[in-house]
Amino acid sequence: MSFYTLREEDIQFLYSLLYATGIILFWRGIWGIADFTPLLKNVYFCFFVGLLILTLTGYMYKEFDPFSQRYRKIQKLIHNVVSLTRQGQPHEIYYYDEVGKHDHKLLPGKIKRIEHDYIVIDEKGHEQFIPMHRISRVHKGKQVIWKR
C-alpha cells in the first residue's frame, strides 16, 4: 500500500530542480576552468573577447536596437488610437499590402490585440497578423495624425 503517489506536476517540478542543478553545476565548472586558464585571468582580454562574441553573434544589436524605439512609438500610438476609438473618437489606420501593392484601411475597433511587432485583427473568424512596419498612416477623422 503506497501512502503517496507522484502526480504529473510533482514529476515536472522534480525535473525542473534537476535541470536547474545541472545548469548551476555546469556554470560552476566553467568558472573553475576559467580560473586555471592563464589567458582568462586578464580582465581586459575577457572584456574584449566577450564584447566581440556579443557583437559577431548579433546579440548586441538585438538587445540594444536603436530602431526599436520607433516601433515602441507606433505601438503606443496604436494603443492610444484603440482607446480613443472605444471612447467614441473615430480613427482609421492604413497599412501597406505588399501583395496587392496598395493601402488597406483598418478600423481600430477590429483590433483584437497587439503582440510584439504585430497587430492582430479578427477577420471573419480568423486571426490576421499585420506587421507594425507596414503601417503607413493614422487618421483622426479626416486629419492625418501620423505618417511614415
N, C-alpha and C. Protein backbone atom coordinates (compact mmCIF):
# COMPACT_ATOMS: atom_id res chain seq x y z
N MET A 1 0.84 -1.17 0.00
CA MET A 1 0.00 0.00 0.00
C MET A 1 0.90 1.25 0.00
N SER A 2 0.66 2.16 -0.97
CA SER A 2 1.50 3.35 -1.03
C SER A 2 0.77 4.52 -0.38
N PHE A 3 1.54 5.29 0.36
CA PHE A 3 0.96 6.45 1.04
C PHE A 3 0.91 7.67 0.13
N TYR A 4 1.83 7.71 -0.81
CA TYR A 4 1.90 8.90 -1.64
C TYR A 4 2.29 8.49 -3.06
N THR A 5 1.57 8.99 -4.02
CA THR A 5 1.93 8.76 -5.41
C THR A 5 2.28 10.12 -6.02
N LEU A 6 3.25 10.10 -6.90
CA LEU A 6 3.69 11.34 -7.53
C LEU A 6 2.72 11.73 -8.64
N ARG A 7 2.25 12.96 -8.58
CA ARG A 7 1.41 13.50 -9.65
C ARG A 7 2.31 13.99 -10.78
N GLU A 8 1.71 14.27 -11.92
CA GLU A 8 2.46 14.78 -13.06
C GLU A 8 3.14 16.11 -12.73
N GLU A 9 2.47 16.98 -11.97
CA GLU A 9 3.05 18.26 -11.58
C GLU A 9 4.26 18.08 -10.67
N ASP A 10 4.19 17.07 -9.79
CA ASP A 10 5.33 16.80 -8.91
C ASP A 10 6.54 16.32 -9.70
N ILE A 11 6.29 15.47 -10.67
CA ILE A 11 7.39 14.96 -11.50
C ILE A 11 8.02 16.10 -12.30
N GLN A 12 7.20 17.00 -12.86
CA GLN A 12 7.72 18.14 -13.60
C GLN A 12 8.53 19.06 -12.69
N PHE A 13 8.08 19.26 -11.45
CA PHE A 13 8.82 20.08 -10.50
C PHE A 13 10.18 19.47 -10.19
N LEU A 14 10.21 18.15 -9.97
CA LEU A 14 11.48 17.48 -9.68
C LEU A 14 12.44 17.55 -10.86
N TYR A 15 11.91 17.39 -12.07
CA TYR A 15 12.76 17.53 -13.25
C TYR A 15 13.29 18.96 -13.37
N SER A 16 12.47 19.96 -13.06
CA SER A 16 12.93 21.35 -13.10
C SER A 16 14.07 21.58 -12.11
N LEU A 17 13.95 21.01 -10.92
CA LEU A 17 15.04 21.11 -9.94
C LEU A 17 16.31 20.44 -10.45
N LEU A 18 16.14 19.29 -11.09
CA LEU A 18 17.28 18.57 -11.64
C LEU A 18 17.95 19.39 -12.74
N TYR A 19 17.15 19.98 -13.64
CA TYR A 19 17.70 20.81 -14.72
C TYR A 19 18.43 22.02 -14.15
N ALA A 20 17.83 22.69 -13.17
CA ALA A 20 18.45 23.87 -12.56
C ALA A 20 19.78 23.49 -11.90
N THR A 21 19.82 22.35 -11.23
CA THR A 21 21.06 21.89 -10.60
C THR A 21 22.13 21.63 -11.66
N GLY A 22 21.73 21.02 -12.76
CA GLY A 22 22.67 20.76 -13.85
C GLY A 22 23.24 22.04 -14.43
N ILE A 23 22.39 23.04 -14.62
CA ILE A 23 22.85 24.32 -15.18
C ILE A 23 23.81 25.01 -14.21
N ILE A 24 23.48 25.00 -12.92
CA ILE A 24 24.35 25.64 -11.92
C ILE A 24 25.71 24.94 -11.86
N LEU A 25 25.71 23.62 -11.87
CA LEU A 25 26.98 22.89 -11.82
C LEU A 25 27.80 23.11 -13.09
N PHE A 26 27.12 23.19 -14.23
CA PHE A 26 27.82 23.47 -15.49
C PHE A 26 28.55 24.81 -15.41
N TRP A 27 27.85 25.88 -14.97
CA TRP A 27 28.48 27.19 -14.90
C TRP A 27 29.55 27.25 -13.83
N ARG A 28 29.38 26.48 -12.75
CA ARG A 28 30.45 26.42 -11.73
C ARG A 28 31.70 25.82 -12.34
N GLY A 29 31.51 24.81 -13.17
CA GLY A 29 32.66 24.20 -13.87
C GLY A 29 33.32 25.17 -14.83
N ILE A 30 32.52 25.95 -15.55
CA ILE A 30 33.09 26.95 -16.48
C ILE A 30 33.94 27.96 -15.71
N TRP A 31 33.42 28.45 -14.56
CA TRP A 31 34.18 29.41 -13.76
C TRP A 31 35.46 28.78 -13.24
N GLY A 32 35.38 27.49 -12.83
CA GLY A 32 36.58 26.82 -12.33
C GLY A 32 37.64 26.67 -13.40
N ILE A 33 37.21 26.32 -14.61
CA ILE A 33 38.17 26.19 -15.72
C ILE A 33 38.76 27.56 -16.05
N ALA A 34 37.92 28.59 -16.03
CA ALA A 34 38.41 29.94 -16.34
C ALA A 34 39.46 30.40 -15.33
N ASP A 35 39.34 29.96 -14.07
CA ASP A 35 40.33 30.35 -13.06
C ASP A 35 41.69 29.76 -13.34
N PHE A 36 41.75 28.60 -13.98
CA PHE A 36 43.02 27.94 -14.24
C PHE A 36 43.60 28.26 -15.61
N THR A 37 42.87 29.00 -16.43
CA THR A 37 43.36 29.36 -17.77
C THR A 37 44.06 30.70 -17.67
N PRO A 38 45.38 30.73 -17.97
CA PRO A 38 46.14 31.97 -17.78
C PRO A 38 45.61 33.14 -18.60
N LEU A 39 45.18 32.90 -19.82
CA LEU A 39 44.72 33.99 -20.67
C LEU A 39 43.44 34.62 -20.12
N LEU A 40 42.59 33.83 -19.47
CA LEU A 40 41.32 34.34 -18.97
C LEU A 40 41.47 35.06 -17.62
N LYS A 41 42.67 35.08 -17.07
CA LYS A 41 42.89 35.84 -15.84
C LYS A 41 43.01 37.33 -16.13
N ASN A 42 43.29 37.67 -17.38
CA ASN A 42 43.39 39.07 -17.78
C ASN A 42 41.98 39.61 -17.99
N VAL A 43 41.57 40.58 -17.19
CA VAL A 43 40.22 41.13 -17.22
C VAL A 43 39.93 41.83 -18.55
N TYR A 44 40.90 42.54 -19.08
CA TYR A 44 40.69 43.26 -20.34
C TYR A 44 40.49 42.30 -21.50
N PHE A 45 41.25 41.22 -21.52
CA PHE A 45 41.09 40.21 -22.56
C PHE A 45 39.67 39.64 -22.52
N CYS A 46 39.20 39.28 -21.33
CA CYS A 46 37.85 38.74 -21.18
C CYS A 46 36.79 39.73 -21.64
N PHE A 47 36.98 41.00 -21.28
CA PHE A 47 36.03 42.03 -21.67
C PHE A 47 35.92 42.15 -23.18
N PHE A 48 37.07 42.26 -23.86
CA PHE A 48 37.04 42.47 -25.31
C PHE A 48 36.60 41.22 -26.07
N VAL A 49 36.98 40.04 -25.61
CA VAL A 49 36.52 38.81 -26.27
C VAL A 49 35.01 38.65 -26.09
N GLY A 50 34.51 38.94 -24.89
CA GLY A 50 33.07 38.87 -24.66
C GLY A 50 32.31 39.86 -25.51
N LEU A 51 32.83 41.07 -25.62
CA LEU A 51 32.21 42.10 -26.46
C LEU A 51 32.24 41.69 -27.93
N LEU A 52 33.34 41.10 -28.36
CA LEU A 52 33.46 40.63 -29.74
C LEU A 52 32.44 39.52 -30.03
N ILE A 53 32.28 38.58 -29.11
CA ILE A 53 31.31 37.50 -29.29
C ILE A 53 29.89 38.05 -29.36
N LEU A 54 29.55 38.97 -28.46
CA LEU A 54 28.20 39.56 -28.47
C LEU A 54 27.94 40.35 -29.75
N THR A 55 28.96 40.99 -30.27
CA THR A 55 28.80 41.77 -31.50
C THR A 55 28.69 40.87 -32.71
N LEU A 56 29.56 39.87 -32.83
CA LEU A 56 29.55 38.99 -34.00
C LEU A 56 28.31 38.11 -34.08
N THR A 57 27.77 37.72 -32.96
CA THR A 57 26.56 36.89 -32.99
C THR A 57 25.30 37.70 -33.21
N GLY A 58 25.39 39.02 -33.13
CA GLY A 58 24.24 39.87 -33.35
C GLY A 58 23.41 40.11 -32.11
N TYR A 59 23.79 39.53 -30.99
CA TYR A 59 23.02 39.71 -29.76
C TYR A 59 23.04 41.16 -29.30
N MET A 60 24.15 41.82 -29.49
CA MET A 60 24.28 43.21 -29.08
C MET A 60 23.26 44.08 -29.81
N TYR A 61 23.09 43.81 -31.10
CA TYR A 61 22.16 44.63 -31.89
C TYR A 61 20.72 44.27 -31.59
N LYS A 62 20.46 43.02 -31.26
CA LYS A 62 19.10 42.60 -30.96
C LYS A 62 18.61 43.24 -29.66
N GLU A 63 19.46 43.32 -28.66
CA GLU A 63 19.07 43.86 -27.37
C GLU A 63 19.09 45.38 -27.33
N PHE A 64 19.99 45.99 -28.06
CA PHE A 64 20.16 47.44 -27.99
C PHE A 64 19.90 48.06 -29.35
N ASP A 65 18.77 47.74 -29.94
CA ASP A 65 18.43 48.19 -31.27
C ASP A 65 17.89 49.62 -31.22
N PRO A 66 18.56 50.57 -31.86
CA PRO A 66 18.05 51.95 -31.83
C PRO A 66 16.74 52.11 -32.59
N PHE A 67 16.45 51.21 -33.55
CA PHE A 67 15.21 51.31 -34.32
C PHE A 67 14.01 50.79 -33.55
N SER A 68 14.25 50.07 -32.46
CA SER A 68 13.12 49.54 -31.68
C SER A 68 12.33 50.67 -31.02
N GLN A 69 12.97 51.82 -30.81
CA GLN A 69 12.26 52.97 -30.24
C GLN A 69 11.15 53.43 -31.18
N ARG A 70 11.41 53.34 -32.49
CA ARG A 70 10.40 53.73 -33.46
C ARG A 70 9.19 52.81 -33.38
N TYR A 71 9.42 51.51 -33.22
CA TYR A 71 8.32 50.56 -33.10
C TYR A 71 7.55 50.78 -31.80
N ARG A 72 8.24 51.12 -30.75
CA ARG A 72 7.55 51.40 -29.48
C ARG A 72 6.65 52.61 -29.60
N LYS A 73 7.10 53.63 -30.36
CA LYS A 73 6.26 54.81 -30.58
C LYS A 73 4.99 54.42 -31.34
N ILE A 74 5.14 53.58 -32.37
CA ILE A 74 3.98 53.16 -33.16
C ILE A 74 3.04 52.34 -32.28
N GLN A 75 3.61 51.43 -31.45
CA GLN A 75 2.77 50.63 -30.56
C GLN A 75 1.98 51.51 -29.61
N LYS A 76 2.64 52.50 -29.03
CA LYS A 76 1.96 53.40 -28.10
C LYS A 76 0.86 54.17 -28.81
N LEU A 77 1.14 54.63 -30.03
CA LEU A 77 0.14 55.35 -30.80
C LEU A 77 -1.06 54.45 -31.09
N ILE A 78 -0.82 53.21 -31.49
CA ILE A 78 -1.92 52.29 -31.81
C ILE A 78 -2.75 52.01 -30.55
N HIS A 79 -2.10 51.82 -29.41
CA HIS A 79 -2.84 51.62 -28.16
C HIS A 79 -3.73 52.83 -27.86
N ASN A 80 -3.18 54.03 -28.04
CA ASN A 80 -3.96 55.25 -27.80
C ASN A 80 -5.13 55.36 -28.77
N VAL A 81 -4.90 55.02 -30.03
CA VAL A 81 -5.95 55.09 -31.04
C VAL A 81 -7.08 54.12 -30.71
N VAL A 82 -6.73 52.91 -30.29
CA VAL A 82 -7.75 51.92 -29.92
C VAL A 82 -8.56 52.43 -28.72
N SER A 83 -7.88 52.99 -27.73
CA SER A 83 -8.57 53.52 -26.54
C SER A 83 -9.51 54.66 -26.91
N LEU A 84 -9.02 55.59 -27.73
CA LEU A 84 -9.84 56.73 -28.12
C LEU A 84 -11.03 56.32 -28.98
N THR A 85 -10.83 55.28 -29.81
CA THR A 85 -11.94 54.79 -30.64
C THR A 85 -13.02 54.18 -29.76
N ARG A 86 -12.63 53.49 -28.72
CA ARG A 86 -13.62 52.91 -27.80
C ARG A 86 -14.37 53.99 -27.03
N GLN A 87 -13.75 55.17 -26.90
CA GLN A 87 -14.41 56.30 -26.23
C GLN A 87 -15.28 57.11 -27.19
N GLY A 88 -15.31 56.71 -28.48
CA GLY A 88 -16.19 57.37 -29.43
C GLY A 88 -15.52 58.31 -30.40
N GLN A 89 -14.19 58.40 -30.38
CA GLN A 89 -13.48 59.27 -31.32
C GLN A 89 -13.05 58.42 -32.52
N PRO A 90 -13.57 58.69 -33.71
CA PRO A 90 -13.27 57.83 -34.86
C PRO A 90 -11.83 57.99 -35.36
N HIS A 91 -11.18 56.87 -35.59
CA HIS A 91 -9.82 56.83 -36.12
C HIS A 91 -9.78 55.78 -37.23
N GLU A 92 -8.79 55.91 -38.10
CA GLU A 92 -8.54 54.93 -39.14
C GLU A 92 -7.05 54.68 -39.22
N ILE A 93 -6.69 53.43 -39.43
CA ILE A 93 -5.29 53.04 -39.58
C ILE A 93 -5.13 52.48 -40.98
N TYR A 94 -4.11 52.90 -41.67
CA TYR A 94 -3.83 52.39 -43.01
C TYR A 94 -2.51 51.63 -42.99
N TYR A 95 -2.51 50.48 -43.66
CA TYR A 95 -1.28 49.70 -43.77
C TYR A 95 -1.07 49.28 -45.21
N TYR A 96 0.19 49.13 -45.59
CA TYR A 96 0.54 48.80 -46.97
C TYR A 96 0.58 47.29 -47.15
N ASP A 97 -0.11 46.83 -48.19
CA ASP A 97 -0.15 45.41 -48.52
C ASP A 97 0.89 45.15 -49.62
N GLU A 98 1.89 44.34 -49.31
CA GLU A 98 2.96 44.03 -50.26
C GLU A 98 2.44 43.25 -51.46
N VAL A 99 1.49 42.36 -51.24
CA VAL A 99 0.99 41.52 -52.32
C VAL A 99 0.11 42.34 -53.27
N GLY A 100 -0.86 43.08 -52.71
CA GLY A 100 -1.76 43.87 -53.52
C GLY A 100 -1.18 45.19 -53.99
N LYS A 101 -0.06 45.60 -53.39
CA LYS A 101 0.63 46.85 -53.72
C LYS A 101 -0.27 48.08 -53.54
N HIS A 102 -1.06 48.09 -52.44
CA HIS A 102 -1.87 49.26 -52.13
C HIS A 102 -2.16 49.29 -50.62
N ASP A 103 -2.68 50.44 -50.17
CA ASP A 103 -3.00 50.61 -48.75
C ASP A 103 -4.38 50.03 -48.44
N HIS A 104 -4.48 49.44 -47.26
CA HIS A 104 -5.76 48.95 -46.74
C HIS A 104 -6.15 49.78 -45.53
N LYS A 105 -7.45 50.00 -45.38
CA LYS A 105 -7.94 50.73 -44.21
C LYS A 105 -8.30 49.71 -43.13
N LEU A 106 -7.89 50.01 -41.91
CA LEU A 106 -8.18 49.15 -40.77
C LEU A 106 -8.86 50.00 -39.71
N LEU A 107 -10.03 49.58 -39.28
CA LEU A 107 -10.72 50.28 -38.21
C LEU A 107 -10.20 49.77 -36.87
N PRO A 108 -9.84 50.66 -35.96
CA PRO A 108 -9.27 50.23 -34.67
C PRO A 108 -10.19 49.32 -33.86
N GLY A 109 -11.48 49.38 -34.10
CA GLY A 109 -12.40 48.50 -33.38
C GLY A 109 -12.22 47.04 -33.72
N LYS A 110 -11.60 46.75 -34.88
CA LYS A 110 -11.35 45.36 -35.27
C LYS A 110 -10.10 44.77 -34.64
N ILE A 111 -9.28 45.62 -34.02
CA ILE A 111 -8.03 45.14 -33.44
C ILE A 111 -8.34 44.30 -32.21
N LYS A 112 -7.86 43.07 -32.25
CA LYS A 112 -8.10 42.13 -31.15
C LYS A 112 -7.04 42.32 -30.06
N ARG A 113 -5.79 42.41 -30.48
CA ARG A 113 -4.69 42.63 -29.54
C ARG A 113 -3.44 43.03 -30.31
N ILE A 114 -2.43 43.46 -29.57
CA ILE A 114 -1.14 43.81 -30.16
C ILE A 114 -0.10 42.90 -29.53
N GLU A 115 0.58 42.12 -30.37
CA GLU A 115 1.61 41.19 -29.91
C GLU A 115 2.94 41.61 -30.51
N HIS A 116 3.87 41.95 -29.66
CA HIS A 116 5.23 42.34 -30.07
C HIS A 116 5.16 43.38 -31.18
N ASP A 117 5.52 43.02 -32.41
CA ASP A 117 5.53 43.96 -33.53
C ASP A 117 4.39 43.68 -34.50
N TYR A 118 3.31 43.08 -34.03
CA TYR A 118 2.18 42.74 -34.88
C TYR A 118 0.86 43.22 -34.29
N ILE A 119 -0.04 43.63 -35.17
CA ILE A 119 -1.41 43.93 -34.79
C ILE A 119 -2.22 42.70 -35.18
N VAL A 120 -3.01 42.18 -34.25
CA VAL A 120 -3.84 41.01 -34.53
C VAL A 120 -5.27 41.49 -34.65
N ILE A 121 -5.87 41.19 -35.82
CA ILE A 121 -7.27 41.56 -36.03
C ILE A 121 -8.08 40.31 -36.27
N ASP A 122 -9.37 40.41 -35.99
CA ASP A 122 -10.28 39.29 -36.21
C ASP A 122 -11.01 39.54 -37.53
N GLU A 123 -10.72 38.75 -38.54
CA GLU A 123 -11.30 38.92 -39.87
C GLU A 123 -12.08 37.66 -40.22
N LYS A 124 -13.40 37.73 -40.11
CA LYS A 124 -14.31 36.63 -40.46
C LYS A 124 -13.97 35.36 -39.69
N GLY A 125 -13.70 35.49 -38.41
CA GLY A 125 -13.43 34.35 -37.55
C GLY A 125 -11.99 33.86 -37.58
N HIS A 126 -11.14 34.50 -38.35
CA HIS A 126 -9.73 34.12 -38.43
C HIS A 126 -8.86 35.28 -37.97
N GLU A 127 -7.78 34.95 -37.30
CA GLU A 127 -6.85 35.99 -36.87
C GLU A 127 -5.93 36.36 -38.03
N GLN A 128 -5.75 37.65 -38.23
CA GLN A 128 -4.84 38.15 -39.25
C GLN A 128 -3.77 38.97 -38.55
N PHE A 129 -2.52 38.73 -38.88
CA PHE A 129 -1.40 39.43 -38.26
C PHE A 129 -0.87 40.47 -39.23
N ILE A 130 -0.81 41.71 -38.77
CA ILE A 130 -0.31 42.82 -39.59
C ILE A 130 0.96 43.35 -38.92
N PRO A 131 2.10 43.29 -39.61
CA PRO A 131 3.34 43.81 -39.02
C PRO A 131 3.27 45.32 -38.81
N MET A 132 3.84 45.79 -37.71
CA MET A 132 3.83 47.21 -37.39
C MET A 132 4.57 48.04 -38.45
N HIS A 133 5.60 47.46 -39.07
CA HIS A 133 6.36 48.25 -40.05
C HIS A 133 5.57 48.49 -41.33
N ARG A 134 4.43 47.85 -41.49
CA ARG A 134 3.58 48.06 -42.66
C ARG A 134 2.60 49.22 -42.48
N ILE A 135 2.46 49.71 -41.25
CA ILE A 135 1.52 50.82 -41.02
C ILE A 135 2.07 52.06 -41.73
N SER A 136 1.23 52.65 -42.57
CA SER A 136 1.69 53.80 -43.36
C SER A 136 1.19 55.13 -42.79
N ARG A 137 -0.04 55.15 -42.25
CA ARG A 137 -0.55 56.40 -41.68
C ARG A 137 -1.73 56.11 -40.77
N VAL A 138 -2.01 57.11 -39.89
CA VAL A 138 -3.13 57.02 -38.96
C VAL A 138 -3.92 58.32 -39.09
N HIS A 139 -5.23 58.18 -39.21
CA HIS A 139 -6.12 59.34 -39.36
C HIS A 139 -7.02 59.47 -38.14
N LYS A 140 -7.30 60.71 -37.76
CA LYS A 140 -8.34 61.00 -36.78
C LYS A 140 -9.38 61.81 -37.53
N GLY A 141 -10.47 61.15 -37.89
CA GLY A 141 -11.45 61.78 -38.77
C GLY A 141 -10.82 61.93 -40.15
N LYS A 142 -10.73 63.15 -40.64
CA LYS A 142 -10.10 63.42 -41.95
C LYS A 142 -8.64 63.86 -41.82
N GLN A 143 -8.19 64.12 -40.60
CA GLN A 143 -6.86 64.66 -40.35
C GLN A 143 -5.84 63.53 -40.15
N VAL A 144 -4.69 63.65 -40.81
CA VAL A 144 -3.59 62.69 -40.65
C VAL A 144 -2.85 63.06 -39.38
N ILE A 145 -2.80 62.14 -38.39
CA ILE A 145 -2.09 62.44 -37.15
C ILE A 145 -0.71 61.78 -37.10
N TRP A 146 -0.49 60.77 -37.98
CA TRP A 146 0.82 60.13 -38.05
C TRP A 146 1.01 59.58 -39.44
N LYS A 147 2.22 59.76 -39.99
CA LYS A 147 2.53 59.25 -41.32
C LYS A 147 3.97 58.78 -41.33
N ARG A 148 4.22 57.69 -41.99
CA ARG A 148 5.58 57.17 -42.09
C ARG A 148 6.38 58.03 -43.03
